[in-house]
Amino acid sequence: MNRPEEMPPECSSAELLAEYLEGCLTTEERTLVEQHLVACGKCRQIVSTACRATDSVIDPPDSV
């Protein structure tokens, strides 16, 4: 996953992306982040990776 210091200055902060994923943003803030994600592959990748990591913690694979 990209570290926040690798994100271009015009990108959303790592904290803002975390708040987006947690559902803690206002409707306006969420809309702005979603508009940014459409245009920014780096931030989209960060969100995608975080979602996959969260999914694996919430629904761990069956043990053999």
Protein backbone atom coordinates (compact mmCIF):
# COMPACT_ATOMS: atom_id res chain seq x y z
CA MET A 1 0.00 0.00 0.00
CA ASN A 2 1.19 3.51 -0.69
CA ARG A 3 2.45 5.45 2.29
CA PRO A 4 0.83 8.86 2.83
CA GLU A 5 4.11 10.64 2.06
CA GLU A 6 4.03 9.07 -1.42
CA MET A 7 0.67 10.65 -2.21
CA PRO A 8 0.74 13.73 -4.44
CA PRO A 9 -0.26 16.95 -2.63
CA GLU A 10 -3.57 17.20 -4.48
CA CYS A 11 -4.64 13.79 -3.12
CA SER A 12 -6.86 13.21 -0.15
CA SER A 13 -4.97 12.64 3.08
CA ALA A 14 -4.64 9.14 4.48
CA GLU A 15 -6.74 10.27 7.44
CA LEU A 16 -9.52 11.50 5.16
CA LEU A 17 -9.49 8.21 3.23
CA ALA A 18 -9.72 6.31 6.53
CA GLU A 19 -12.67 8.45 7.60
CA TYR A 20 -14.26 7.79 4.20
CA LEU A 21 -13.89 4.03 4.69
CA GLU A 22 -15.27 4.24 8.23
CA GLY A 23 -18.31 6.22 7.04
CA CYS A 24 -17.44 9.22 9.22
CA LEU A 25 -17.66 11.94 6.56
CA THR A 26 -20.46 14.35 5.82
CA THR A 27 -22.36 13.84 2.57
CA GLU A 28 -20.43 16.72 1.00
CA GLU A 29 -17.03 15.37 2.12
CA ARG A 30 -17.92 11.87 0.91
CA THR A 31 -18.93 13.24 -2.49
CA LEU A 32 -15.63 15.14 -2.80
CA VAL A 33 -13.61 12.03 -1.91
CA GLU A 34 -15.60 9.91 -4.38
CA GLN A 35 -15.02 12.47 -7.14
CA HIS A 36 -11.31 12.37 -6.35
CA LEU A 37 -11.26 8.55 -6.41
CA VAL A 38 -12.73 8.56 -9.93
CA ALA A 39 -9.74 10.57 -11.16
CA CYS A 40 -6.93 9.24 -8.94
CA GLY A 41 -5.64 5.71 -9.37
CA LYS A 42 -3.27 5.97 -6.39
CA CYS A 43 -6.02 6.82 -3.92
CA ARG A 44 -8.35 4.27 -5.53
CA GLN A 45 -5.67 1.61 -4.98
CA ILE A 46 -5.25 2.66 -1.33
CA VAL A 47 -9.01 2.39 -0.74
CA SER A 48 -9.21 -0.92 -2.58
CA THR A 49 -6.34 -2.42 -0.58
CA ALA A 50 -7.86 -1.20 2.68
CA CYS A 51 -11.23 -2.72 1.74
CA ARG A 52 -9.65 -6.09 0.95
CA ALA A 53 -7.72 -6.04 4.23
CA THR A 54 -10.87 -5.17 6.18
CA ASP A 55 -12.85 -7.89 4.42
CA SER A 56 -10.24 -10.51 5.30
CA VAL A 57 -10.35 -9.49 8.98
CA ILE A 58 -14.14 -9.46 9.12
CA ASP A 59 -14.54 -12.71 7.18
CA PRO A 60 -11.33 -14.73 7.76
CA PRO A 61 -10.76 -17.79 5.59
CA ASP A 62 -11.92 -21.13 6.98
CA SER A 63 -9.15 -22.99 8.75
CA VAL A 64 -8.29 -26.45 7.50
